[in-house]
Amino acid sequence: MTHPSRETGLRVGVVGAGRVGAVLAAALGTAGHHVVAAAGESDATRSRIAELLPGVPVLKPTAVARACDLLLLTVPDDMLGNVVTTLSDAGAIRPGQYVVHTSGRHGLAVLAPAAAVGARVAALHPAMTFTGTAVDLDRLAGCVYGLTADAGERDLVAGLVADLGGRATWVPEEMRTLYHAGLAHGANHLVTLVSQAMELLAAAGSDDPAGTLRPLLTAALDNALEHGDAALTGPIVRGDVNTVRAHLADIAATTPHTLPSYLALARNTLARAVTDGRVLPIRAAAMVRVLDAAEAPVRTARVDRR
């Protein structure tokens, strides 16, 4: 049987049309759905609606909910529960309506107020970083979506992912937070790590830290995704104690705010290299002493700040 979303298209409303919501709504519109209303209060959100959803009226959240077959909730995680409760209590959500949120952390439990009035609920989280501009539309091709839905809604939500040109991965309700932690740890902390690496290169006199890092980091990321820990290289894996000691001294002298993350990642890298046998325990013990010596002033500074 032809999927309902492919026949005449759903009337889509989006509440929280920020970086994620405006882009997904625009992509669904391109796929043949009808974006009928959007809600957003900030100037930035209204600008995104005007750019990505031209002609779509900006309404109050309750009016958006009443106008659509598919209500897309793209508000921040901590606001989601309150938004669902408010819309449900106001009678804006109706039986049979699809209510879908894009939070990575939350599953179906947060949508319980909507389900209680008869709505058909699902979680659809794009594993992607968004700029909130038209650039994101091309990036959606091949994007993986973390989905959680009951049996009756699985076909619909999987169809939406297909409409978006994405790939589905099903996440059990009780694993949503862990799923999201993996994504945040990999993507958000990667940004911090890369920014700190650029600061170190800039302090060393590089006039193009990003250009210097790009080929190296691209290769390292590809290798890590393909081979996991086997892709590890560098002084920790080689057991180059003196090199690491020199790193720590220069980092402490020039960019001390990056020292704690270097130490934390060095310890974790060392543990993985010991586990797979590339660093012998005696060499690892010497490396740990170097890391401990560098970390002592950091611990002291933390105590002093208290």
C-alpha atoms as a PDB file:
ATOM      1  CA  MET A   1       0.000   0.000   0.000  1.00  0.00           C
ATOM      2  CA  THR A   2       1.278   3.490  -0.812  1.00  0.00           C
ATOM      3  CA  HIS A   3       2.497   5.312   2.268  1.00  0.00           C
ATOM      4  CA  PRO A   4       0.114   8.138   3.279  1.00  0.00           C
ATOM      5  CA  SER A   5       2.935  10.700   3.255  1.00  0.00           C
ATOM      6  CA  ARG A   6       3.596   9.948  -0.395  1.00  0.00           C
ATOM      7  CA  GLU A   7       0.041  10.341  -1.675  1.00  0.00           C
ATOM      8  CA  THR A   8      -1.051  13.940  -1.290  1.00  0.00           C
ATOM      9  CA  GLY A   9       1.363  15.131   1.390  1.00  0.00           C
ATOM     10  CA  LEU A  10       0.713  16.025   5.006  1.00  0.00           C
ATOM     11  CA  ARG A  11      -0.068  19.476   6.324  1.00  0.00           C
ATOM     12  CA  VAL A  12       3.012  20.242   8.409  1.00  0.00           C
ATOM     13  CA  GLY A  13       3.270  22.722  11.261  1.00  0.00           C
ATOM     14  CA  VAL A  14       6.510  23.459  13.082  1.00  0.00           C
ATOM     15  CA  VAL A  15       6.828  24.861  16.594  1.00  0.00           C
ATOM     16  CA  GLY A  16      10.304  26.143  17.339  1.00  0.00           C
ATOM     17  CA  ALA A  17      11.394  26.933  13.796  1.00  0.00           C
ATOM     18  CA  GLY A  18      15.034  27.491  14.676  1.00  0.00           C
ATOM     19  CA  ARG A  19      18.087  25.946  13.064  1.00  0.00           C
ATOM     20  CA  VAL A  20      16.643  22.444  12.933  1.00  0.00           C
ATOM     21  CA  GLY A  21      12.929  23.085  12.560  1.00  0.00           C
ATOM     22  CA  ALA A  22      13.047  25.519   9.662  1.00  0.00           C
ATOM     23  CA  VAL A  23      15.421  23.278   7.697  1.00  0.00           C
ATOM     24  CA  LEU A  24      13.440  20.073   8.228  1.00  0.00           C
ATOM     25  CA  ALA A  25      10.169  21.816   7.406  1.00  0.00           C
ATOM     26  CA  ALA A  26      11.680  23.225   4.208  1.00  0.00           C
ATOM     27  CA  ALA A  27      12.944  19.757   3.233  1.00  0.00           C
ATOM     28  CA  LEU A  28       9.537  18.210   3.880  1.00  0.00           C
ATOM     29  CA  GLY A  29       7.971  20.932   1.753  1.00  0.00           C
ATOM     30  CA  THR A  30      10.332  20.111  -1.085  1.00  0.00           C
ATOM     31  CA  ALA A  31       9.398  16.436  -0.707  1.00  0.00           C
ATOM     32  CA  GLY A  32       5.730  17.179  -1.380  1.00  0.00           C
ATOM     33  CA  HIS A  33       4.286  17.997   2.019  1.00  0.00           C
ATOM     34  CA  HIS A  34       2.555  21.285   2.745  1.00  0.00           C
ATOM     35  CA  VAL A  35       4.081  23.521   5.418  1.00  0.00           C
ATOM     36  CA  VAL A  36       1.055  25.450   6.637  1.00  0.00           C
ATOM     37  CA  ALA A  37       2.315  27.326   9.702  1.00  0.00           C
ATOM     38  CA  ALA A  38       5.341  27.960  11.883  1.00  0.00           C
ATOM     39  CA  ALA A  39       5.900  29.359  15.363  1.00  0.00           C
ATOM     40  CA  GLY A  40       8.938  31.234  16.578  1.00  0.00           C
ATOM     41  CA  GLU A  41       9.512  34.283  18.741  1.00  0.00           C
ATOM     42  CA  SER A  42      13.083  35.449  18.230  1.00  0.00           C
ATOM     43  CA  ASP A  43      14.196  37.691  15.392  1.00  0.00           C
ATOM     44  CA  ALA A  44      16.634  34.994  14.242  1.00  0.00           C
ATOM     45  CA  THR A  45      13.858  32.406  14.077  1.00  0.00           C
ATOM     46  CA  ARG A  46      11.553  34.689  12.143  1.00  0.00           C
ATOM     47  CA  SER A  47      14.380  35.439   9.711  1.00  0.00           C
ATOM     48  CA  ARG A  48      14.891  31.709   9.132  1.00  0.00           C
ATOM     49  CA  ILE A  49      11.192  31.232   8.497  1.00  0.00           C
ATOM     50  CA  ALA A  50      11.213  34.067   5.979  1.00  0.00           C
ATOM     51  CA  GLU A  51      14.280  32.650   4.209  1.00  0.00           C
ATOM     52  CA  LEU A  52      13.550  28.919   4.275  1.00  0.00           C
ATOM     53  CA  LEU A  53       9.744  28.918   4.447  1.00  0.00           C
ATOM     54  CA  PRO A  54       8.684  31.899   2.341  1.00  0.00           C
ATOM     55  CA  GLY A  55       4.979  32.629   2.524  1.00  0.00           C
ATOM     56  CA  VAL A  56       4.392  30.378   5.532  1.00  0.00           C
ATOM     57  CA  PRO A  57       2.437  32.275   8.195  1.00  0.00           C
ATOM     58  CA  VAL A  58       3.995  32.785  11.622  1.00  0.00           C
ATOM     59  CA  LEU A  59       1.366  31.898  14.218  1.00  0.00           C
ATOM     60  CA  LYS A  60       1.122  31.151  17.917  1.00  0.00           C
ATOM     61  CA  PRO A  61       2.035  27.562  18.843  1.00  0.00           C
ATOM     62  CA  THR A  62      -1.590  26.635  19.570  1.00  0.00           C
ATOM     63  CA  ALA A  63      -2.689  27.928  16.169  1.00  0.00           C
ATOM     64  CA  VAL A  64       0.128  26.020  14.456  1.00  0.00           C
ATOM     65  CA  ALA A  65      -0.912  22.814  16.205  1.00  0.00           C
ATOM     66  CA  ARG A  66      -4.556  23.226  15.200  1.00  0.00           C
ATOM     67  CA  ALA A  67      -3.655  23.854  11.548  1.00  0.00           C
ATOM     68  CA  CYS A  68      -1.630  20.732  10.793  1.00  0.00           C
ATOM     69  CA  ASP A  69      -1.741  16.953  10.405  1.00  0.00           C
ATOM     70  CA  LEU A  70       1.924  16.593  11.396  1.00  0.00           C
ATOM     71  CA  LEU A  71       3.108  18.758  14.275  1.00  0.00           C
ATOM     72  CA  LEU A  72       6.894  19.010  14.306  1.00  0.00           C
ATOM     73  CA  LEU A  73       8.260  20.076  17.703  1.00  0.00           C
ATOM     74  CA  THR A  74      11.826  21.363  17.397  1.00  0.00           C
ATOM     75  CA  VAL A  75      12.189  23.228  20.682  1.00  0.00           C
ATOM     76  CA  PRO A  76      15.149  22.787  23.104  1.00  0.00           C
ATOM     77  CA  ASP A  77      15.153  19.561  25.128  1.00  0.00           C
ATOM     78  CA  ASP A  78      14.400  21.235  28.441  1.00  0.00           C
ATOM     79  CA  MET A  79      11.379  23.057  26.991  1.00  0.00           C
ATOM     80  CA  LEU A  80       9.845  20.093  25.191  1.00  0.00           C
ATOM     81  CA  GLY A  81       7.817  18.658  28.054  1.00  0.00           C
ATOM     82  CA  ASN A  82       6.279  22.008  28.910  1.00  0.00           C
ATOM     83  CA  VAL A  83       5.391  22.722  25.268  1.00  0.00           C
ATOM     84  CA  VAL A  84       3.677  19.348  24.825  1.00  0.00           C
ATOM     85  CA  THR A  85       1.743  19.761  28.069  1.00  0.00           C
ATOM     86  CA  THR A  86       0.675  23.315  27.235  1.00  0.00           C
ATOM     87  CA  LEU A  87      -0.534  22.427  23.736  1.00  0.00           C
ATOM     88  CA  SER A  88      -2.356  19.329  24.967  1.00  0.00           C
ATOM     89  CA  ASP A  89      -4.034  21.139  27.861  1.00  0.00           C
ATOM     90  CA  ALA A  90      -5.128  23.911  25.485  1.00  0.00           C
ATOM     91  CA  GLY A  91      -6.918  21.405  23.246  1.00  0.00           C
ATOM     92  CA  ALA A  92      -4.645  22.264  20.331  1.00  0.00           C
ATOM     93  CA  ILE A  93      -3.598  18.640  19.791  1.00  0.00           C
ATOM     94  CA  ARG A  94      -6.279  16.269  18.552  1.00  0.00           C
ATOM     95  CA  PRO A  95      -6.830  12.512  18.228  1.00  0.00           C
ATOM     96  CA  GLY A  96      -5.124  10.964  15.207  1.00  0.00           C
ATOM     97  CA  GLN A  97      -2.752  13.885  14.702  1.00  0.00           C
ATOM     98  CA  TYR A  98       0.937  13.068  14.318  1.00  0.00           C
ATOM     99  CA  VAL A  99       3.135  14.765  16.927  1.00  0.00           C
ATOM    100  CA  VAL A 100       6.842  14.292  16.275  1.00  0.00           C
ATOM    101  CA  HIS A 101       9.762  15.831  18.145  1.00  0.00           C
ATOM    102  CA  THR A 102      13.406  16.079  17.062  1.00  0.00           C
ATOM    103  CA  SER A 103      15.127  15.782  20.439  1.00  0.00           C
ATOM    104  CA  GLY A 104      17.987  13.303  20.646  1.00  0.00           C
ATOM    105  CA  ARG A 105      17.656  12.806  24.376  1.00  0.00           C
ATOM    106  CA  HIS A 106      13.915  12.244  24.620  1.00  0.00           C
ATOM    107  CA  GLY A 107      11.823   9.373  23.352  1.00  0.00           C
ATOM    108  CA  LEU A 108       8.073   8.881  23.652  1.00  0.00           C
ATOM    109  CA  ALA A 109       7.620   9.514  27.385  1.00  0.00           C
ATOM    110  CA  VAL A 110       7.906  13.281  26.961  1.00  0.00           C
ATOM    111  CA  LEU A 111       5.005  13.126  24.478  1.00  0.00           C
ATOM    112  CA  ALA A 112       2.684  11.348  26.939  1.00  0.00           C
ATOM    113  CA  PRO A 113       0.296  14.337  27.272  1.00  0.00           C
ATOM    114  CA  ALA A 114      -0.229  14.320  23.492  1.00  0.00           C
ATOM    115  CA  ALA A 115      -0.657  10.547  23.401  1.00  0.00           C
ATOM    116  CA  ALA A 116      -3.204  10.819  26.218  1.00  0.00           C
ATOM    117  CA  VAL A 117      -5.512  12.898  24.005  1.00  0.00           C
ATOM    118  CA  GLY A 118      -5.168  10.415  21.136  1.00  0.00           C
ATOM    119  CA  ALA A 119      -2.274  11.835  19.122  1.00  0.00           C
ATOM    120  CA  ARG A 120       0.123   9.485  17.327  1.00  0.00           C
ATOM    121  CA  VAL A 121       3.590  10.268  18.664  1.00  0.00           C
ATOM    122  CA  ALA A 122       7.164   9.614  17.580  1.00  0.00           C
ATOM    123  CA  ALA A 123      10.740  10.811  18.063  1.00  0.00           C
ATOM    124  CA  LEU A 124      12.792  11.699  14.988  1.00  0.00           C
ATOM    125  CA  HIS A 125      16.287  13.021  15.681  1.00  0.00           C
ATOM    126  CA  PRO A 126      18.645  13.987  12.833  1.00  0.00           C
ATOM    127  CA  ALA A 127      22.234  13.050  13.635  1.00  0.00           C
ATOM    128  CA  MET A 128      23.516  16.226  12.038  1.00  0.00           C
ATOM    129  CA  THR A 129      24.760  19.666  13.033  1.00  0.00           C
ATOM    130  CA  PHE A 130      22.737  22.553  11.635  1.00  0.00           C
ATOM    131  CA  THR A 131      23.532  26.136  10.632  1.00  0.00           C
ATOM    132  CA  GLY A 132      19.880  27.023  10.084  1.00  0.00           C
ATOM    133  CA  THR A 133      20.515  28.061   6.478  1.00  0.00           C
ATOM    134  CA  ALA A 134      19.903  26.609   3.023  1.00  0.00           C
ATOM    135  CA  VAL A 135      23.363  24.995   3.237  1.00  0.00           C
ATOM    136  CA  ASP A 136      21.854  22.371   5.528  1.00  0.00           C
ATOM    137  CA  LEU A 137      19.380  21.147   2.936  1.00  0.00           C
ATOM    138  CA  ASP A 138      22.069  19.413   0.877  1.00  0.00           C
ATOM    139  CA  ARG A 139      23.583  17.906   4.021  1.00  0.00           C
ATOM    140  CA  LEU A 140      20.364  16.069   4.820  1.00  0.00           C
ATOM    141  CA  ALA A 141      20.976  13.580   2.013  1.00  0.00           C
ATOM    142  CA  GLY A 142      22.139  10.391   3.707  1.00  0.00           C
ATOM    143  CA  CYS A 143      21.678  11.802   7.213  1.00  0.00           C
ATOM    144  CA  VAL A 144      20.865   9.180   9.844  1.00  0.00           C
ATOM    145  CA  TYR A 145      17.773   9.749  12.001  1.00  0.00           C
ATOM    146  CA  GLY A 146      17.381   8.203  15.429  1.00  0.00           C
ATOM    147  CA  LEU A 147      13.762   7.032  15.562  1.00  0.00           C
ATOM    148  CA  THR A 148      11.566   5.860  18.394  1.00  0.00           C
ATOM    149  CA  ALA A 149       7.923   4.984  17.730  1.00  0.00           C
ATOM    150  CA  ASP A 150       5.298   2.412  18.572  1.00  0.00           C
ATOM    151  CA  ALA A 151       4.329  -0.133  15.933  1.00  0.00           C
ATOM    152  CA  GLY A 152       1.421   1.912  14.627  1.00  0.00           C
ATOM    153  CA  GLU A 153       3.580   4.937  13.832  1.00  0.00           C
ATOM    154  CA  ARG A 154       6.694   3.221  12.510  1.00  0.00           C
ATOM    155  CA  ASP A 155       5.669   3.281   8.857  1.00  0.00           C
ATOM    156  CA  LEU A 156       4.820   6.978   8.991  1.00  0.00           C
ATOM    157  CA  VAL A 157       8.037   8.092  10.665  1.00  0.00           C
ATOM    158  CA  ALA A 158      10.172   5.837   8.442  1.00  0.00           C
ATOM    159  CA  GLY A 159       8.385   7.384   5.455  1.00  0.00           C
ATOM    160  CA  LEU A 160       9.270  10.864   6.643  1.00  0.00           C
ATOM    161  CA  VAL A 161      12.925   9.874   6.830  1.00  0.00           C
ATOM    162  CA  ALA A 162      12.725   8.533   3.282  1.00  0.00           C
ATOM    163  CA  ASP A 163      11.102  11.800   2.189  1.00  0.00           C
ATOM    164  CA  LEU A 164      14.036  13.652   3.737  1.00  0.00           C
ATOM    165  CA  GLY A 165      16.530  11.473   1.870  1.00  0.00           C
ATOM    166  CA  GLY A 166      17.836  10.041   5.122  1.00  0.00           C
ATOM    167  CA  ARG A 167      18.499   6.678   6.736  1.00  0.00           C
ATOM    168  CA  ALA A 168      16.667   5.354   9.791  1.00  0.00           C
ATOM    169  CA  THR A 169      18.130   3.810  12.922  1.00  0.00           C
ATOM    170  CA  TRP A 170      15.712   2.610  15.594  1.00  0.00           C
ATOM    171  CA  VAL A 171      16.573   3.567  19.170  1.00  0.00           C
ATOM    172  CA  PRO A 172      14.801   1.871  22.111  1.00  0.00           C
ATOM    173  CA  GLU A 173      13.026   4.261  24.462  1.00  0.00           C
ATOM    174  CA  GLU A 174      15.320   3.441  27.382  1.00  0.00           C
ATOM    175  CA  MET A 175      18.451   4.067  25.276  1.00  0.00           C
ATOM    176  CA  ARG A 176      17.616   7.543  23.968  1.00  0.00           C
ATOM    177  CA  THR A 177      19.815   9.421  26.451  1.00  0.00           C
ATOM    178  CA  LEU A 178      22.802   7.135  25.861  1.00  0.00           C
ATOM    179  CA  TYR A 179      22.312   7.442  22.093  1.00  0.00           C
ATOM    180  CA  HIS A 180      22.309  11.222  22.397  1.00  0.00           C
ATOM    181  CA  ALA A 181      25.343  11.211  24.697  1.00  0.00           C
ATOM    182  CA  GLY A 182      27.323   9.338  22.039  1.00  0.00           C
ATOM    183  CA  LEU A 183      26.440  11.912  19.412  1.00  0.00           C
ATOM    184  CA  ALA A 184      27.123  14.896  21.668  1.00  0.00           C
ATOM    185  CA  HIS A 185      30.421  13.465  22.878  1.00  0.00           C
ATOM    186  CA  GLY A 186      31.538  12.824  19.313  1.00  0.00           C
ATOM    187  CA  ALA A 187      30.326  16.021  17.635  1.00  0.00           C
ATOM    188  CA  ASN A 188      30.174  18.754  20.277  1.00  0.00           C
ATOM    189  CA  HIS A 189      33.379  17.778  22.029  1.00  0.00           C
ATOM    190  CA  LEU A 190      35.078  17.374  18.665  1.00  0.00           C
ATOM    191  CA  VAL A 191      34.421  21.064  18.022  1.00  0.00           C
ATOM    192  CA  THR A 192      36.052  21.946  21.349  1.00  0.00           C
ATOM    193  CA  LEU A 193      39.020  19.703  20.607  1.00  0.00           C
ATOM    194  CA  VAL A 194      39.564  21.113  17.123  1.00  0.00           C
ATOM    195  CA  SER A 195      39.240  24.690  18.379  1.00  0.00           C
ATOM    196  CA  GLN A 196      41.867  24.037  21.033  1.00  0.00           C
ATOM    197  CA  ALA A 197      44.177  22.427  18.477  1.00  0.00           C
ATOM    198  CA  MET A 198      43.854  25.547  16.317  1.00  0.00           C
ATOM    199  CA  GLU A 199      44.710  27.710  19.315  1.00  0.00           C
ATOM    200  CA  LEU A 200      47.884  25.691  19.903  1.00  0.00           C
ATOM    201  CA  LEU A 201      48.918  26.045  16.265  1.00  0.00           C
ATOM    202  CA  ALA A 202      48.178  29.770  16.301  1.00  0.00           C
ATOM    203  CA  ALA A 203      50.320  30.139  19.438  1.00  0.00           C
ATOM    204  CA  ALA A 204      53.074  28.270  17.589  1.00  0.00           C
ATOM    205  CA  GLY A 205      52.953  30.880  14.813  1.00  0.00           C
ATOM    206  CA  SER A 206      50.812  29.129  12.192  1.00  0.00           C
ATOM    207  CA  ASP A 207      49.118  31.638   9.897  1.00  0.00           C
ATOM    208  CA  ASP A 208      46.502  29.061   8.802  1.00  0.00           C
ATOM    209  CA  PRO A 209      45.706  26.656  11.660  1.00  0.00           C
ATOM    210  CA  ALA A 210      42.533  25.400   9.977  1.00  0.00           C
ATOM    211  CA  GLY A 211      44.281  24.706   6.682  1.00  0.00           C
ATOM    212  CA  THR A 212      47.092  22.929   8.497  1.00  0.00           C
ATOM    213  CA  LEU A 213      44.711  20.688  10.419  1.00  0.00           C
ATOM    214  CA  ARG A 214      42.109  19.961   7.740  1.00  0.00           C
ATOM    215  CA  PRO A 215      43.888  17.172   5.785  1.00  0.00           C
ATOM    216  CA  LEU A 216      45.227  15.589   8.969  1.00  0.00           C
ATOM    217  CA  LEU A 217      41.914  15.649  10.811  1.00  0.00           C
ATOM    218  CA  THR A 218      39.960  14.500   7.770  1.00  0.00           C
ATOM    219  CA  ALA A 219      42.232  11.476   7.423  1.00  0.00           C
ATOM    220  CA  ALA A 220      42.174  10.796  11.173  1.00  0.00           C
ATOM    221  CA  LEU A 221      38.372  10.952  11.294  1.00  0.00           C
ATOM    222  CA  ASP A 222      37.963   8.671   8.291  1.00  0.00           C
ATOM    223  CA  ASN A 223      40.455   6.193   9.753  1.00  0.00           C
ATOM    224  CA  ALA A 224      38.809   6.261  13.186  1.00  0.00           C
ATOM    225  CA  LEU A 225      35.349   5.664  11.749  1.00  0.00           C
ATOM    226  CA  GLU A 226      36.687   2.797   9.649  1.00  0.00           C
ATOM    227  CA  HIS A 227      39.141   1.154  12.063  1.00  0.00           C
ATOM    228  CA  GLY A 228      38.360   2.394  15.596  1.00  0.00           C
ATOM    229  CA  ASP A 229      41.298   2.240  18.029  1.00  0.00           C
ATOM    230  CA  ALA A 230      43.541   0.731  15.364  1.00  0.00           C
ATOM    231  CA  ALA A 231      43.679   4.216  13.824  1.00  0.00           C
ATOM    232  CA  LEU A 232      45.471   5.659  16.864  1.00  0.00           C
ATOM    233  CA  THR A 233      48.908   7.109  16.107  1.00  0.00           C
ATOM    234  CA  GLY A 234      51.239   9.612  17.738  1.00  0.00           C
ATOM    235  CA  PRO A 235      53.534   9.884  20.767  1.00  0.00           C
ATOM    236  CA  ILE A 236      51.173   8.253  23.275  1.00  0.00           C
ATOM    237  CA  VAL A 237      50.825   5.101  21.179  1.00  0.00           C
ATOM    238  CA  ARG A 238      54.557   5.082  20.444  1.00  0.00           C
ATOM    239  CA  GLY A 239      55.359   5.474  24.131  1.00  0.00           C
ATOM    240  CA  ASP A 240      57.380   8.647  23.492  1.00  0.00           C
ATOM    241  CA  VAL A 241      57.473   9.829  27.100  1.00  0.00           C
ATOM    242  CA  ASN A 242      59.870  12.713  26.506  1.00  0.00           C
ATOM    243  CA  THR A 243      57.794  14.066  23.623  1.00  0.00           C
ATOM    244  CA  VAL A 244      54.659  14.068  25.755  1.00  0.00           C
ATOM    245  CA  ARG A 245      56.568  15.729  28.614  1.00  0.00           C
ATOM    246  CA  ALA A 246      57.671  18.480  26.212  1.00  0.00           C
ATOM    247  CA  HIS A 247      54.115  18.911  24.923  1.00  0.00           C
ATOM    248  CA  LEU A 248      52.814  19.378  28.438  1.00  0.00           C
ATOM    249  CA  ALA A 249      55.453  21.929  29.347  1.00  0.00           C
ATOM    250  CA  ASP A 250      54.825  24.082  26.290  1.00  0.00           C
ATOM    251  CA  ILE A 251      51.038  23.838  26.600  1.00  0.00           C
ATOM    252  CA  ALA A 252      51.233  24.877  30.252  1.00  0.00           C
ATOM    253  CA  ALA A 253      53.386  27.861  29.306  1.00  0.00           C
ATOM    254  CA  THR A 254      51.422  29.116  26.295  1.00  0.00           C
ATOM    255  CA  THR A 255      47.792  27.888  26.372  1.00  0.00           C
ATOM    256  CA  PRO A 256      47.231  26.485  29.877  1.00  0.00           C
ATOM    257  CA  HIS A 257      43.449  26.373  29.465  1.00  0.00           C
ATOM    258  CA  THR A 258      43.893  23.500  26.991  1.00  0.00           C
ATOM    259  CA  LEU A 259      45.990  21.433  29.401  1.00  0.00           C
ATOM    260  CA  PRO A 260      43.134  19.643  31.230  1.00  0.00           C
ATOM    261  CA  SER A 261      41.599  18.307  28.019  1.00  0.00           C
ATOM    262  CA  TYR A 262      45.006  17.236  26.665  1.00  0.00           C
ATOM    263  CA  LEU A 263      45.665  15.346  29.893  1.00  0.00           C
ATOM    264  CA  ALA A 264      42.245  13.693  29.947  1.00  0.00           C
ATOM    265  CA  LEU A 265      42.482  12.545  26.350  1.00  0.00           C
ATOM    266  CA  ALA A 266      46.097  11.446  26.768  1.00  0.00           C
ATOM    267  CA  ARG A 267      45.084   9.205  29.672  1.00  0.00           C
ATOM    268  CA  ASN A 268      42.231   7.664  27.706  1.00  0.00           C
ATOM    269  CA  THR A 269      44.422   7.184  24.639  1.00  0.00           C
ATOM    270  CA  LEU A 270      47.093   5.517  26.765  1.00  0.00           C
ATOM    271  CA  ALA A 271      44.550   3.153  28.326  1.00  0.00           C
ATOM    272  CA  ARG A 272      43.329   2.069  24.905  1.00  0.00           C
ATOM    273  CA  ALA A 273      46.877   1.573  23.609  1.00  0.00           C
ATOM    274  CA  VAL A 274      47.737  -0.565  26.648  1.00  0.00           C
ATOM    275  CA  THR A 275      44.598  -2.646  26.220  1.00  0.00           C
ATOM    276  CA  ASP A 276      45.445  -3.576  22.636  1.00  0.00           C
ATOM    277  CA  GLY A 277      49.098  -4.237  23.506  1.00  0.00           C
ATOM    278  CA  ARG A 278      50.785  -1.420  21.618  1.00  0.00           C
ATOM    279  CA  VAL A 279      52.209   0.145  24.775  1.00  0.00           C
ATOM    280  CA  LEU A 280      53.862  -2.148  27.319  1.00  0.00           C
ATOM    281  CA  PRO A 281      52.860  -1.711  30.976  1.00  0.00           C
ATOM    282  CA  ILE A 282      56.327  -0.527  32.043  1.00  0.00           C
ATOM    283  CA  ARG A 283      56.284   2.185  29.379  1.00  0.00           C
ATOM    284  CA  ALA A 284      52.718   3.094  30.277  1.00  0.00           C
ATOM    285  CA  ALA A 285      53.694   3.521  33.929  1.00  0.00           C
ATOM    286  CA  ALA A 286      56.380   6.019  32.918  1.00  0.00           C
ATOM    287  CA  MET A 287      53.838   7.905  30.803  1.00  0.00           C
ATOM    288  CA  VAL A 288      51.373   8.003  33.689  1.00  0.00           C
ATOM    289  CA  ARG A 289      54.030   9.558  35.940  1.00  0.00           C
ATOM    290  CA  VAL A 290      54.563  12.317  33.390  1.00  0.00           C
ATOM    291  CA  LEU A 291      50.814  12.963  33.137  1.00  0.00           C
ATOM    292  CA  ASP A 292      50.443  12.933  36.930  1.00  0.00           C
ATOM    293  CA  ALA A 293      53.261  15.476  37.312  1.00  0.00           C
ATOM    294  CA  ALA A 294      51.618  17.819  34.815  1.00  0.00           C
ATOM    295  CA  GLU A 295      48.184  17.391  36.376  1.00  0.00           C
ATOM    296  CA  ALA A 296      49.271  18.222  39.926  1.00  0.00           C
ATOM    297  CA  PRO A 297      49.369  22.013  39.323  1.00  0.00           C
ATOM    298  CA  VAL A 298      45.965  21.795  37.612  1.00  0.00           C
ATOM    299  CA  ARG A 299      44.453  20.060  40.648  1.00  0.00           C
ATOM    300  CA  THR A 300      46.042  22.633  42.957  1.00  0.00           C
ATOM    301  CA  ALA A 301      44.609  25.498  40.914  1.00  0.00           C
ATOM    302  CA  ARG A 302      41.144  23.937  41.094  1.00  0.00           C
ATOM    303  CA  VAL A 303      41.379  23.666  44.859  1.00  0.00           C
ATOM    304  CA  ASP A 304      42.549  27.262  45.152  1.00  0.00           C
ATOM    305  CA  ARG A 305      39.575  28.511  43.112  1.00  0.00           C
ATOM    306  CA  ARG A 306      37.191  26.898  45.564  1.00  0.00           C
END
